[in-house]
Amino acid sequence: MKGLEGLSIDEKYEIEEYRDMMKAFAAAATDGNLEQVKEGLSAGADINGLGEKWTGWTALHHAADAGHAEIVQYLLSVGQTRTGSPWTIPPTLLSTWLCPNST
């Protein structure tokens, strides 16, 4: 999506299209659908964005939690950097625990 530069996470989540896109992106990571993850990024999903604002989890968290090592590897290779909210497990640590062969 265009026009989101400079907006806070709260401002982004006021936009229904953004919320829907990020939920779909996180769901693709949870489901292990690499093609949909790639399509989401091509469509403008924020690689470091949150699937649901209240969870503090990125797509990498979701993929690691579901044990999808291929998606974990892909997200790390294309620039996943956000560590999530302060109260969540950093996604790189989570991916190491749940997908030990992904790094």
Protein backbone atom coordinates (compact mmCIF):
# COMPACT_ATOMS: atom_id res chain seq x y z
CA MET A 1 0.00 0.00 0.00
CA LYS A 2 1.17 3.47 -0.77
CA GLY A 3 0.76 6.56 1.34
CA LEU A 4 1.57 4.98 4.68
CA GLU A 5 5.02 6.47 5.09
CA GLY A 6 5.36 8.39 8.33
CA LEU A 7 2.17 6.99 9.85
CA SER A 8 2.30 5.42 13.29
CA ILE A 9 1.14 1.83 13.79
CA ASP A 10 -2.08 3.18 15.32
CA GLU A 11 -2.71 5.40 12.31
CA LYS A 12 -2.04 2.52 9.90
CA TYR A 13 -4.49 0.28 11.74
CA GLU A 14 -7.20 2.90 11.31
CA ILE A 15 -7.11 2.02 7.59
CA GLU A 16 -9.26 -1.07 6.98
CA GLU A 17 -7.42 -2.06 3.80
CA TYR A 18 -4.11 -2.07 5.69
CA ARG A 19 -5.53 -4.14 8.56
CA ASP A 20 -6.99 -6.69 6.12
CA MET A 21 -3.74 -6.93 4.16
CA MET A 22 -1.65 -7.48 7.29
CA LYS A 23 -4.07 -10.09 8.68
CA ALA A 24 -3.91 -11.97 5.37
CA PHE A 25 -0.10 -11.72 5.34
CA ALA A 26 0.14 -13.14 8.87
CA ALA A 27 -2.38 -15.86 8.01
CA ALA A 28 -0.30 -16.91 5.00
CA ALA A 29 2.75 -17.22 7.25
CA THR A 30 0.75 -19.20 9.82
CA ASP A 31 -0.63 -21.50 7.12
CA GLY A 32 2.81 -22.09 5.59
CA ASN A 33 1.82 -20.63 2.23
CA LEU A 34 5.06 -19.21 0.87
CA GLU A 35 3.50 -18.04 -2.40
CA GLN A 36 0.90 -15.98 -0.53
CA VAL A 37 3.62 -14.56 1.72
CA LYS A 38 5.53 -13.46 -1.39
CA GLU A 39 2.35 -12.08 -2.96
CA GLY A 40 1.61 -10.15 0.24
CA LEU A 41 5.03 -8.52 0.16
CA SER A 42 4.60 -7.68 -3.53
CA ALA A 43 1.23 -6.10 -2.71
CA GLY A 44 2.84 -3.90 -0.08
CA ALA A 45 2.52 -5.81 3.19
CA ASP A 46 4.96 -4.46 5.76
CA ILE A 47 7.49 -7.23 6.42
CA ASN A 48 8.00 -5.82 9.91
CA GLY A 49 4.33 -5.04 10.47
CA LEU A 50 2.00 -6.79 12.86
CA GLY A 51 -0.68 -9.24 11.77
CA GLU A 52 -2.87 -8.02 14.60
CA LYS A 53 -1.81 -4.87 16.41
CA TRP A 54 -2.76 -6.23 19.82
CA THR A 55 -0.59 -9.40 19.54
CA GLY A 56 2.72 -7.69 18.83
CA TRP A 57 3.54 -10.57 16.45
CA THR A 58 4.97 -10.22 12.96
CA ALA A 59 4.63 -12.75 10.12
CA LEU A 60 7.94 -14.21 11.28
CA HIS A 61 6.48 -14.89 14.75
CA HIS A 62 3.50 -16.62 13.16
CA ALA A 63 5.59 -18.73 10.79
CA ALA A 64 7.99 -19.78 13.55
CA ASP A 65 5.18 -20.59 15.97
CA ALA A 66 3.57 -22.81 13.32
CA GLY A 67 6.91 -24.49 12.54
CA HIS A 68 7.21 -23.29 8.95
CA ALA A 69 10.99 -23.20 8.56
CA GLU A 70 10.87 -22.38 4.84
CA ILE A 71 8.88 -19.20 5.51
CA VAL A 72 11.09 -18.30 8.47
CA GLN A 73 14.15 -18.61 6.22
CA TYR A 74 12.49 -16.57 3.48
CA LEU A 75 11.41 -13.73 5.78
CA LEU A 76 14.85 -13.53 7.36
CA SER A 77 16.46 -13.52 3.89
CA VAL A 78 14.34 -10.63 2.62
CA GLY A 79 14.86 -8.34 5.59
CA GLN A 80 12.65 -9.15 8.59
CA THR A 81 14.06 -6.95 11.35
CA ARG A 82 11.29 -5.99 13.77
CA THR A 83 11.60 -7.65 17.14
CA GLY A 84 7.91 -7.28 17.95
CA SER A 85 6.43 -5.56 20.93
CA PRO A 86 8.52 -5.37 24.11
CA TRP A 87 6.42 -8.10 25.76
CA THR A 88 6.75 -10.64 22.94
CA ILE A 89 9.50 -13.13 22.23
CA PRO A 90 11.81 -11.72 19.53
CA PRO A 91 10.95 -13.53 16.28
CA THR A 92 14.52 -14.58 15.58
CA LEU A 93 14.73 -16.27 18.98
CA LEU A 94 11.33 -17.88 18.50
CA SER A 95 12.37 -19.15 15.07
CA THR A 96 15.53 -20.65 16.57
CA TRP A 97 13.53 -22.50 19.21
CA LEU A 98 10.74 -23.74 16.97
CA CYS A 99 12.57 -24.14 13.65
CA PRO A 100 16.16 -24.97 14.66
CA ASN A 101 17.20 -25.77 11.08
CA SER A 102 15.98 -22.44 9.69
CA THR A 103 19.10 -20.36 10.29
